[in-house]
Amino acid sequence: MKALLVVDVQNDFTPGGALPAEQGHAVISVINALMAQFPLVVASRDWHPQDTVHFERWPVHCVKFSAGAEYDPLLDKEKIDQEFLKGTDPETDSGYSAFEATSEDLDKYLREHDVDELYVVGLTTEYCVKATVLDAVNLGYKTFVVTDAVAAVNMLDAAAALEDMRRHNASLVGSQAVLAQ
């Protein structure tokens, strides 16, 4: 079975947010269109405490219960079957990968739903998307990155991140190929 994993499409990662991907809004319509193609849609969200060592490295973003931590209003969140919260430990700079979620075990959830193919979309390409994709590959999922449904904070790092994911056996696909399935 295949599933769509929507990574961190939150206000703080879209234009106007604390760590925005310039093209963050542009990919949301693609993500919304893809959701209808999948029997299972899961999503991750950064959900940081106010005081965390994570903010020693990054500007304050996605603080739990804040407007910045909410899904972007353009995202069709009604199609999300299960949410996974990450980055919740105040003592570590972890929670980049959706597989580091602390609200529920993503790998266990996917296996319980017989998922073997995972299509990853969301924000941001060079950080949380990449970390999630590499973990998915390492856990044995046939992993796809939908290249026109991800966006980066730093466009210069996006191409290198995609190439790194490809080198680690993730398949790079466009949304039109997925929608045609």
N, C-alpha and C. Protein backbone atom coordinates (compact mmCIF):
# COMPACT_ATOMS: atom_id res chain seq x y z
N MET A 1 0.84 -1.18 0.00
CA MET A 1 0.00 0.00 0.00
C MET A 1 0.88 1.24 0.00
N LYS A 2 0.38 2.29 -0.61
CA LYS A 2 1.12 3.54 -0.65
C LYS A 2 0.46 4.58 0.25
N ALA A 3 1.28 5.50 0.74
CA ALA A 3 0.79 6.59 1.59
C ALA A 3 1.50 7.87 1.20
N LEU A 4 0.82 8.98 1.46
CA LEU A 4 1.40 10.32 1.26
C LEU A 4 1.77 10.87 2.62
N LEU A 5 3.00 11.34 2.75
CA LEU A 5 3.47 11.96 3.98
C LEU A 5 3.71 13.44 3.72
N VAL A 6 2.93 14.28 4.38
CA VAL A 6 3.01 15.74 4.24
C VAL A 6 3.86 16.26 5.40
N VAL A 7 5.03 16.79 5.08
CA VAL A 7 5.98 17.24 6.09
C VAL A 7 5.85 18.74 6.35
N ASP A 8 5.45 19.10 7.53
CA ASP A 8 5.59 20.45 8.10
C ASP A 8 5.06 21.60 7.23
N VAL A 9 3.89 21.47 6.69
CA VAL A 9 3.30 22.57 5.92
C VAL A 9 2.61 23.49 6.93
N GLN A 10 3.45 24.29 7.59
CA GLN A 10 3.03 25.13 8.71
C GLN A 10 3.31 26.59 8.40
N ASN A 11 2.58 27.46 9.08
CA ASN A 11 2.69 28.89 8.84
C ASN A 11 4.12 29.41 8.95
N ASP A 12 4.90 28.92 9.91
CA ASP A 12 6.26 29.44 10.07
C ASP A 12 7.20 29.03 8.95
N PHE A 13 6.79 28.07 8.09
CA PHE A 13 7.63 27.64 6.98
C PHE A 13 7.13 28.14 5.63
N THR A 14 6.06 28.92 5.64
CA THR A 14 5.56 29.51 4.40
C THR A 14 5.83 31.01 4.43
N PRO A 15 5.71 31.69 3.29
CA PRO A 15 6.04 33.12 3.24
C PRO A 15 5.34 33.90 4.36
N GLY A 16 6.14 34.72 5.05
CA GLY A 16 5.65 35.50 6.18
C GLY A 16 5.97 34.85 7.51
N GLY A 17 6.44 33.59 7.49
CA GLY A 17 6.75 32.87 8.72
C GLY A 17 8.17 33.10 9.19
N ALA A 18 8.52 32.48 10.30
CA ALA A 18 9.84 32.66 10.92
C ALA A 18 10.98 32.07 10.09
N LEU A 19 10.74 30.96 9.40
CA LEU A 19 11.75 30.29 8.56
C LEU A 19 11.10 29.92 7.23
N PRO A 20 10.78 30.91 6.42
CA PRO A 20 9.95 30.64 5.24
C PRO A 20 10.69 30.03 4.05
N ALA A 21 10.00 29.10 3.40
CA ALA A 21 10.40 28.63 2.09
C ALA A 21 9.69 29.57 1.11
N GLU A 22 10.45 30.27 0.30
CA GLU A 22 9.86 31.27 -0.61
C GLU A 22 8.75 30.70 -1.48
N GLN A 23 8.90 29.45 -1.90
CA GLN A 23 7.89 28.81 -2.75
C GLN A 23 6.92 27.95 -1.94
N GLY A 24 6.87 28.17 -0.64
CA GLY A 24 6.03 27.36 0.23
C GLY A 24 4.57 27.33 -0.14
N HIS A 25 4.03 28.48 -0.52
CA HIS A 25 2.62 28.51 -0.91
C HIS A 25 2.38 27.83 -2.26
N ALA A 26 3.35 27.91 -3.14
CA ALA A 26 3.19 27.36 -4.49
C ALA A 26 3.02 25.85 -4.48
N VAL A 27 3.61 25.16 -3.51
CA VAL A 27 3.53 23.70 -3.51
C VAL A 27 2.25 23.18 -2.85
N ILE A 28 1.55 24.03 -2.11
CA ILE A 28 0.39 23.54 -1.36
C ILE A 28 -0.73 23.07 -2.28
N SER A 29 -0.97 23.76 -3.38
CA SER A 29 -2.02 23.30 -4.30
C SER A 29 -1.66 21.94 -4.90
N VAL A 30 -0.38 21.71 -5.15
CA VAL A 30 0.07 20.42 -5.66
C VAL A 30 -0.16 19.34 -4.59
N ILE A 31 0.19 19.65 -3.36
CA ILE A 31 -0.03 18.70 -2.26
C ILE A 31 -1.51 18.37 -2.12
N ASN A 32 -2.35 19.39 -2.16
CA ASN A 32 -3.80 19.17 -2.04
C ASN A 32 -4.31 18.26 -3.15
N ALA A 33 -3.83 18.45 -4.37
CA ALA A 33 -4.25 17.60 -5.49
C ALA A 33 -3.78 16.16 -5.28
N LEU A 34 -2.58 15.99 -4.75
CA LEU A 34 -2.04 14.65 -4.54
C LEU A 34 -2.81 13.88 -3.47
N MET A 35 -3.32 14.57 -2.47
CA MET A 35 -3.99 13.89 -1.36
C MET A 35 -5.11 12.96 -1.83
N ALA A 36 -5.82 13.34 -2.86
CA ALA A 36 -6.93 12.53 -3.36
C ALA A 36 -6.46 11.21 -3.98
N GLN A 37 -5.19 11.11 -4.32
CA GLN A 37 -4.64 9.91 -4.97
C GLN A 37 -4.25 8.81 -3.99
N PHE A 38 -4.28 9.11 -2.70
CA PHE A 38 -3.72 8.19 -1.72
C PHE A 38 -4.78 7.67 -0.75
N PRO A 39 -4.73 6.36 -0.46
CA PRO A 39 -5.67 5.80 0.51
C PRO A 39 -5.35 6.22 1.94
N LEU A 40 -4.11 6.68 2.16
CA LEU A 40 -3.69 7.10 3.50
C LEU A 40 -2.83 8.35 3.37
N VAL A 41 -3.20 9.38 4.13
CA VAL A 41 -2.43 10.63 4.16
C VAL A 41 -2.07 10.91 5.61
N VAL A 42 -0.77 11.05 5.87
CA VAL A 42 -0.29 11.38 7.21
C VAL A 42 0.51 12.68 7.11
N ALA A 43 0.63 13.37 8.23
CA ALA A 43 1.34 14.65 8.22
C ALA A 43 2.15 14.80 9.50
N SER A 44 3.27 15.50 9.37
CA SER A 44 4.07 15.85 10.55
C SER A 44 3.99 17.35 10.77
N ARG A 45 4.18 17.71 12.03
CA ARG A 45 4.26 19.13 12.39
C ARG A 45 5.36 19.32 13.42
N ASP A 46 6.17 20.36 13.23
CA ASP A 46 7.06 20.81 14.29
C ASP A 46 6.17 21.30 15.42
N TRP A 47 6.54 20.96 16.64
CA TRP A 47 5.70 21.29 17.79
C TRP A 47 6.62 21.56 18.98
N HIS A 48 7.40 22.65 18.85
CA HIS A 48 8.45 22.94 19.82
C HIS A 48 7.92 23.58 21.10
N PRO A 49 8.55 23.25 22.24
CA PRO A 49 8.26 24.01 23.45
C PRO A 49 8.85 25.41 23.32
N GLN A 50 8.39 26.34 24.12
CA GLN A 50 8.89 27.72 24.07
C GLN A 50 10.39 27.78 24.36
N ASP A 51 10.82 27.01 25.34
CA ASP A 51 12.24 26.96 25.71
C ASP A 51 12.81 25.62 25.28
N THR A 52 13.71 25.67 24.30
CA THR A 52 14.32 24.45 23.79
C THR A 52 15.71 24.76 23.25
N VAL A 53 16.61 23.79 23.36
CA VAL A 53 17.96 23.98 22.80
C VAL A 53 17.90 24.10 21.28
N HIS A 54 16.82 23.64 20.68
CA HIS A 54 16.66 23.76 19.23
C HIS A 54 16.78 25.22 18.79
N PHE A 55 16.31 26.14 19.62
CA PHE A 55 16.34 27.55 19.27
C PHE A 55 17.71 28.20 19.49
N GLU A 56 18.68 27.43 19.93
CA GLU A 56 20.06 27.92 19.95
C GLU A 56 20.63 27.90 18.53
N ARG A 57 20.06 27.04 17.70
CA ARG A 57 20.52 26.91 16.31
C ARG A 57 19.62 27.67 15.34
N TRP A 58 18.33 27.78 15.65
CA TRP A 58 17.33 28.32 14.74
C TRP A 58 16.55 29.46 15.38
N PRO A 59 15.99 30.35 14.55
CA PRO A 59 15.07 31.34 15.11
C PRO A 59 13.86 30.62 15.73
N VAL A 60 13.23 31.25 16.67
CA VAL A 60 12.03 30.67 17.29
C VAL A 60 10.98 30.45 16.21
N HIS A 61 10.46 29.21 16.15
CA HIS A 61 9.47 28.85 15.13
C HIS A 61 8.62 27.68 15.63
N CYS A 62 7.43 27.58 15.13
CA CYS A 62 6.53 26.45 15.38
C CYS A 62 6.43 26.09 16.86
N VAL A 63 6.28 27.10 17.69
CA VAL A 63 6.07 26.86 19.12
C VAL A 63 4.66 26.30 19.30
N LYS A 64 4.56 25.19 20.02
CA LYS A 64 3.27 24.51 20.17
C LYS A 64 2.17 25.49 20.58
N PHE A 65 1.02 25.32 19.96
CA PHE A 65 -0.19 26.12 20.17
C PHE A 65 -0.09 27.54 19.61
N SER A 66 1.01 27.88 18.93
CA SER A 66 1.14 29.22 18.35
C SER A 66 0.58 29.23 16.94
N ALA A 67 0.32 30.42 16.41
CA ALA A 67 -0.15 30.56 15.04
C ALA A 67 0.88 30.02 14.05
N GLY A 68 2.16 30.19 14.34
CA GLY A 68 3.21 29.69 13.46
C GLY A 68 3.26 28.18 13.36
N ALA A 69 2.78 27.49 14.38
CA ALA A 69 2.78 26.03 14.39
C ALA A 69 1.57 25.43 13.69
N GLU A 70 0.58 26.26 13.40
CA GLU A 70 -0.63 25.76 12.73
C GLU A 70 -0.32 25.41 11.27
N TYR A 71 -1.09 24.49 10.71
CA TYR A 71 -0.98 24.22 9.29
C TYR A 71 -1.30 25.49 8.52
N ASP A 72 -0.64 25.67 7.39
CA ASP A 72 -0.96 26.80 6.52
C ASP A 72 -2.43 26.68 6.14
N PRO A 73 -3.17 27.78 6.15
CA PRO A 73 -4.62 27.71 5.86
C PRO A 73 -4.94 27.22 4.44
N LEU A 74 -3.98 27.27 3.53
CA LEU A 74 -4.22 26.77 2.17
C LEU A 74 -4.22 25.24 2.10
N LEU A 75 -3.63 24.58 3.11
CA LEU A 75 -3.55 23.13 3.11
C LEU A 75 -4.91 22.52 3.45
N ASP A 76 -5.31 21.53 2.69
CA ASP A 76 -6.58 20.84 2.93
C ASP A 76 -6.38 19.82 4.05
N LYS A 77 -6.34 20.30 5.28
CA LYS A 77 -6.03 19.43 6.41
C LYS A 77 -7.12 18.41 6.72
N GLU A 78 -8.30 18.59 6.16
CA GLU A 78 -9.39 17.61 6.37
C GLU A 78 -9.05 16.25 5.76
N LYS A 79 -8.11 16.21 4.83
CA LYS A 79 -7.74 14.96 4.17
C LYS A 79 -6.63 14.21 4.91
N ILE A 80 -6.15 14.79 6.00
CA ILE A 80 -5.08 14.15 6.77
C ILE A 80 -5.68 13.12 7.72
N ASP A 81 -5.24 11.88 7.59
CA ASP A 81 -5.76 10.80 8.42
C ASP A 81 -5.13 10.76 9.81
N GLN A 82 -3.84 11.09 9.90
CA GLN A 82 -3.14 11.03 11.19
C GLN A 82 -2.02 12.06 11.20
N GLU A 83 -1.84 12.70 12.34
CA GLU A 83 -0.81 13.72 12.51
C GLU A 83 0.27 13.20 13.47
N PHE A 84 1.51 13.62 13.22
CA PHE A 84 2.64 13.23 14.04
C PHE A 84 3.40 14.50 14.45
N LEU A 85 3.53 14.72 15.75
CA LEU A 85 4.20 15.91 16.27
C LEU A 85 5.65 15.59 16.59
N LYS A 86 6.54 16.52 16.21
CA LYS A 86 7.97 16.28 16.40
C LYS A 86 8.66 17.54 16.93
N GLY A 87 9.89 17.37 17.39
CA GLY A 87 10.64 18.50 17.94
C GLY A 87 10.16 18.91 19.32
N THR A 88 9.58 17.98 20.05
CA THR A 88 8.93 18.31 21.32
C THR A 88 9.86 18.25 22.53
N ASP A 89 11.06 17.67 22.36
CA ASP A 89 11.98 17.52 23.49
C ASP A 89 12.79 18.81 23.68
N PRO A 90 12.63 19.48 24.83
CA PRO A 90 13.35 20.74 25.03
C PRO A 90 14.85 20.58 25.20
N GLU A 91 15.29 19.35 25.47
CA GLU A 91 16.70 19.10 25.77
C GLU A 91 17.55 18.73 24.56
N THR A 92 16.91 18.51 23.39
CA THR A 92 17.68 18.07 22.22
C THR A 92 17.33 18.90 20.98
N ASP A 93 18.27 18.92 20.06
CA ASP A 93 18.03 19.55 18.75
C ASP A 93 17.64 18.43 17.79
N SER A 94 16.52 17.77 18.09
CA SER A 94 16.05 16.66 17.26
C SER A 94 14.68 17.00 16.69
N GLY A 95 14.12 16.04 16.00
CA GLY A 95 12.78 16.25 15.46
C GLY A 95 12.76 16.77 14.05
N TYR A 96 13.83 16.58 13.31
CA TYR A 96 13.83 17.00 11.91
C TYR A 96 13.01 16.01 11.08
N SER A 97 13.25 14.73 11.29
CA SER A 97 12.53 13.70 10.54
C SER A 97 11.16 13.45 11.16
N ALA A 98 10.18 13.21 10.31
CA ALA A 98 8.85 12.83 10.80
C ALA A 98 8.92 11.52 11.58
N PHE A 99 9.92 10.71 11.32
CA PHE A 99 10.08 9.46 12.05
C PHE A 99 10.59 9.67 13.47
N GLU A 100 10.93 10.92 13.83
CA GLU A 100 11.30 11.26 15.19
C GLU A 100 10.11 11.82 15.98
N ALA A 101 8.92 11.66 15.45
CA ALA A 101 7.72 12.15 16.13
C ALA A 101 7.61 11.53 17.51
N THR A 102 7.13 12.32 18.45
CA THR A 102 6.97 11.83 19.81
C THR A 102 5.50 11.61 20.18
N SER A 103 4.57 12.10 19.37
CA SER A 103 3.15 11.93 19.68
C SER A 103 2.69 10.51 19.37
N GLU A 104 3.32 9.89 18.39
CA GLU A 104 3.02 8.52 17.99
C GLU A 104 4.17 8.05 17.11
N ASP A 105 4.39 6.74 17.06
CA ASP A 105 5.47 6.16 16.28
C ASP A 105 5.04 6.05 14.82
N LEU A 106 5.62 6.87 13.95
CA LEU A 106 5.24 6.90 12.54
C LEU A 106 5.52 5.56 11.86
N ASP A 107 6.70 5.00 12.08
CA ASP A 107 7.04 3.73 11.45
C ASP A 107 6.04 2.65 11.85
N LYS A 108 5.74 2.55 13.12
CA LYS A 108 4.77 1.55 13.60
C LYS A 108 3.40 1.78 12.95
N TYR A 109 2.97 3.03 12.90
CA TYR A 109 1.67 3.36 12.30
C TYR A 109 1.62 2.93 10.83
N LEU A 110 2.66 3.26 10.09
CA LEU A 110 2.69 2.90 8.66
C LEU A 110 2.69 1.39 8.47
N ARG A 111 3.45 0.68 9.28
CA ARG A 111 3.50 -0.78 9.16
C ARG A 111 2.16 -1.41 9.54
N GLU A 112 1.49 -0.85 10.53
CA GLU A 112 0.17 -1.35 10.91
C GLU A 112 -0.85 -1.17 9.79
N HIS A 113 -0.58 -0.20 8.91
CA HIS A 113 -1.45 0.06 7.76
C HIS A 113 -0.89 -0.54 6.47
N ASP A 114 0.09 -1.44 6.61
CA ASP A 114 0.68 -2.16 5.48
C ASP A 114 1.27 -1.26 4.40
N VAL A 115 1.77 -0.12 4.80
CA VAL A 115 2.40 0.81 3.86
C VAL A 115 3.80 0.32 3.52
N ASP A 116 4.08 0.23 2.22
CA ASP A 116 5.43 -0.11 1.78
C ASP A 116 5.99 0.93 0.81
N GLU A 117 5.11 1.78 0.27
CA GLU A 117 5.52 2.88 -0.61
C GLU A 117 5.13 4.20 0.04
N LEU A 118 6.11 5.08 0.18
CA LEU A 118 5.87 6.36 0.85
C LEU A 118 6.25 7.50 -0.09
N TYR A 119 5.29 8.38 -0.34
CA TYR A 119 5.50 9.57 -1.17
C TYR A 119 5.60 10.76 -0.22
N VAL A 120 6.71 11.49 -0.30
CA VAL A 120 6.98 12.57 0.64
C VAL A 120 6.87 13.91 -0.06
N VAL A 121 6.15 14.84 0.59
CA VAL A 121 5.95 16.20 0.10
C VAL A 121 6.07 17.15 1.30
N GLY A 122 6.24 18.44 1.03
CA GLY A 122 6.19 19.40 2.13
C GLY A 122 7.38 20.31 2.23
N LEU A 123 7.64 20.75 3.47
CA LEU A 123 8.61 21.78 3.76
C LEU A 123 9.53 21.33 4.91
N THR A 124 10.74 21.67 4.85
CA THR A 124 11.50 22.23 3.77
C THR A 124 12.43 21.17 3.18
N THR A 125 12.70 21.31 1.91
CA THR A 125 13.43 20.30 1.15
C THR A 125 14.74 19.90 1.81
N GLU A 126 15.54 20.89 2.20
CA GLU A 126 16.90 20.61 2.64
C GLU A 126 17.01 20.24 4.12
N TYR A 127 15.93 20.33 4.86
CA TYR A 127 15.98 19.99 6.29
C TYR A 127 15.02 18.84 6.61
N CYS A 128 13.80 19.14 6.95
CA CYS A 128 12.88 18.10 7.44
C CYS A 128 12.44 17.12 6.36
N VAL A 129 12.26 17.57 5.14
CA VAL A 129 11.92 16.63 4.07
C VAL A 129 13.07 15.66 3.86
N LYS A 130 14.27 16.19 3.74
CA LYS A 130 15.44 15.33 3.51
C LYS A 130 15.63 14.34 4.66
N ALA A 131 15.56 14.79 5.89
CA ALA A 131 15.74 13.90 7.05
C ALA A 131 14.68 12.80 7.05
N THR A 132 13.45 13.16 6.72
CA THR A 132 12.35 12.19 6.68
C THR A 132 12.57 11.16 5.57
N VAL A 133 12.96 11.63 4.40
CA VAL A 133 13.19 10.73 3.26
C VAL A 133 14.32 9.76 3.56
N LEU A 134 15.42 10.25 4.12
CA LEU A 134 16.55 9.36 4.42
C LEU A 134 16.16 8.32 5.45
N ASP A 135 15.39 8.71 6.45
CA ASP A 135 14.92 7.73 7.44
C ASP A 135 13.99 6.71 6.79
N ALA A 136 13.10 7.16 5.93
CA ALA A 136 12.16 6.25 5.25
C ALA A 136 12.93 5.20 4.44
N VAL A 137 13.92 5.64 3.69
CA VAL A 137 14.74 4.71 2.90
C VAL A 137 15.43 3.72 3.83
N ASN A 138 16.03 4.23 4.90
CA ASN A 138 16.75 3.36 5.84
C ASN A 138 15.83 2.36 6.53
N LEU A 139 14.57 2.71 6.68
CA LEU A 139 13.59 1.80 7.30
C LEU A 139 12.99 0.81 6.30
N GLY A 140 13.40 0.92 5.03
CA GLY A 140 12.99 -0.05 4.04
C GLY A 140 11.77 0.31 3.21
N TYR A 141 11.28 1.53 3.33
CA TYR A 141 10.15 1.94 2.49
C TYR A 141 10.64 2.27 1.09
N LYS A 142 9.87 1.91 0.08
CA LYS A 142 10.13 2.40 -1.27
C LYS A 142 9.69 3.87 -1.22
N THR A 143 10.65 4.77 -1.35
CA THR A 143 10.42 6.17 -1.03
C THR A 143 10.52 7.05 -2.26
N PHE A 144 9.53 7.92 -2.41
CA PHE A 144 9.45 8.86 -3.52
C PHE A 144 9.39 10.29 -2.98
N VAL A 145 10.12 11.18 -3.61
CA VAL A 145 10.03 12.60 -3.31
C VAL A 145 9.33 13.25 -4.49
N VAL A 146 8.21 13.91 -4.24
CA VAL A 146 7.49 14.59 -5.31
C VAL A 146 8.11 15.98 -5.43
N THR A 147 8.95 16.15 -6.44
CA THR A 147 9.83 17.30 -6.53
C THR A 147 9.12 18.65 -6.68
N ASP A 148 7.93 18.66 -7.27
CA ASP A 148 7.21 19.94 -7.38
C ASP A 148 6.22 20.12 -6.24
N ALA A 149 6.36 19.29 -5.20
CA ALA A 149 5.52 19.41 -4.01
C ALA A 149 6.38 19.57 -2.75
N VAL A 150 7.63 19.99 -2.96
CA VAL A 150 8.53 20.33 -1.85
C VAL A 150 9.11 21.72 -2.15
N ALA A 151 9.47 22.42 -1.08
CA ALA A 151 10.08 23.74 -1.25
C ALA A 151 11.15 23.94 -0.18
N ALA A 152 12.16 24.71 -0.53
CA ALA A 152 13.32 24.90 0.34
C ALA A 152 13.38 26.31 0.91
N VAL A 153 14.03 26.44 2.05
CA VAL A 153 14.35 27.75 2.61
C VAL A 153 15.46 28.37 1.76
N ASN A 154 16.48 27.58 1.45
CA ASN A 154 17.62 28.05 0.67
C ASN A 154 17.63 27.30 -0.66
N MET A 155 17.29 27.99 -1.71
CA MET A 155 17.19 27.36 -3.03
C MET A 155 18.52 26.74 -3.48
N LEU A 156 19.65 27.30 -3.05
CA LEU A 156 20.95 26.75 -3.42
C LEU A 156 21.16 25.37 -2.81
N ASP A 157 20.57 25.14 -1.63
CA ASP A 157 20.72 23.85 -0.96
C ASP A 157 19.71 22.82 -1.45
N ALA A 158 18.66 23.25 -2.12
CA ALA A 158 17.59 22.35 -2.54
C ALA A 158 18.08 21.29 -3.53
N ALA A 159 18.81 21.70 -4.54
CA ALA A 159 19.29 20.76 -5.56
C ALA A 159 20.22 19.72 -4.94
N ALA A 160 21.10 20.16 -4.06
CA ALA A 160 22.02 19.23 -3.40
C ALA A 160 21.25 18.26 -2.50
N ALA A 161 20.22 18.75 -1.84
CA ALA A 161 19.41 17.88 -0.98
C ALA A 161 18.69 16.83 -1.80
N LEU A 162 18.10 17.24 -2.91
CA LEU A 162 17.41 16.28 -3.78
C LEU A 162 18.39 15.23 -4.32
N GLU A 163 19.57 15.67 -4.72
CA GLU A 163 20.57 14.74 -5.23
C GLU A 163 21.00 13.77 -4.13
N ASP A 164 21.16 14.26 -2.92
CA ASP A 164 21.53 13.40 -1.80
C ASP A 164 20.45 12.35 -1.54
N MET A 165 19.19 12.75 -1.60
CA MET A 165 18.09 11.80 -1.42
C MET A 165 18.10 10.75 -2.53
N ARG A 166 18.32 11.19 -3.76
CA ARG A 166 18.38 10.27 -4.89
C ARG A 166 19.54 9.28 -4.73
N ARG A 167 20.69 9.78 -4.31
CA ARG A 167 21.86 8.93 -4.08
C ARG A 167 21.59 7.87 -3.03
N HIS A 168 20.70 8.18 -2.10
CA HIS A 168 20.36 7.22 -1.04
C HIS A 168 19.14 6.36 -1.40
N ASN A 169 18.84 6.29 -2.69
CA ASN A 169 17.81 5.40 -3.24
C ASN A 169 16.38 5.88 -3.10
N ALA A 170 16.17 7.16 -2.90
CA ALA A 170 14.82 7.70 -3.01
C ALA A 170 14.60 8.03 -4.48
N SER A 171 13.39 7.83 -4.95
CA SER A 171 13.06 8.16 -6.34
C SER A 171 12.50 9.57 -6.39
N LEU A 172 12.96 10.36 -7.35
CA LEU A 172 12.46 11.72 -7.55
C LEU A 172 11.42 11.66 -8.66
N VAL A 173 10.21 12.13 -8.36
CA VAL A 173 9.11 12.09 -9.33
C VAL A 173 8.38 13.42 -9.34
N GLY A 174 7.75 13.72 -10.45
CA GLY A 174 6.91 14.90 -10.54
C GLY A 174 5.47 14.55 -10.19
N SER A 175 4.70 15.53 -9.81
CA SER A 175 3.31 15.27 -9.40
C SER A 175 2.46 14.74 -10.56
N GLN A 176 2.75 15.16 -11.78
CA GLN A 176 1.94 14.69 -12.91
C GLN A 176 2.06 13.18 -13.09
N ALA A 177 3.25 12.64 -12.85
CA ALA A 177 3.42 11.18 -12.94
C ALA A 177 2.63 10.47 -11.84
N VAL A 178 2.61 11.06 -10.66
CA VAL A 178 1.86 10.47 -9.54
C VAL A 178 0.36 10.56 -9.81
N LEU A 179 -0.10 11.72 -10.28
CA LEU A 179 -1.53 11.92 -10.54
C LEU A 179 -2.02 11.03 -11.68
N ALA A 180 -1.12 10.62 -12.57
CA ALA A 180 -1.50 9.76 -13.71
C ALA A 180 -1.61 8.28 -13.33
N GLN A 181 -1.18 7.94 -12.13
CA GLN A 181 -1.20 6.52 -11.70
C GLN A 181 -2.60 6.02 -11.52
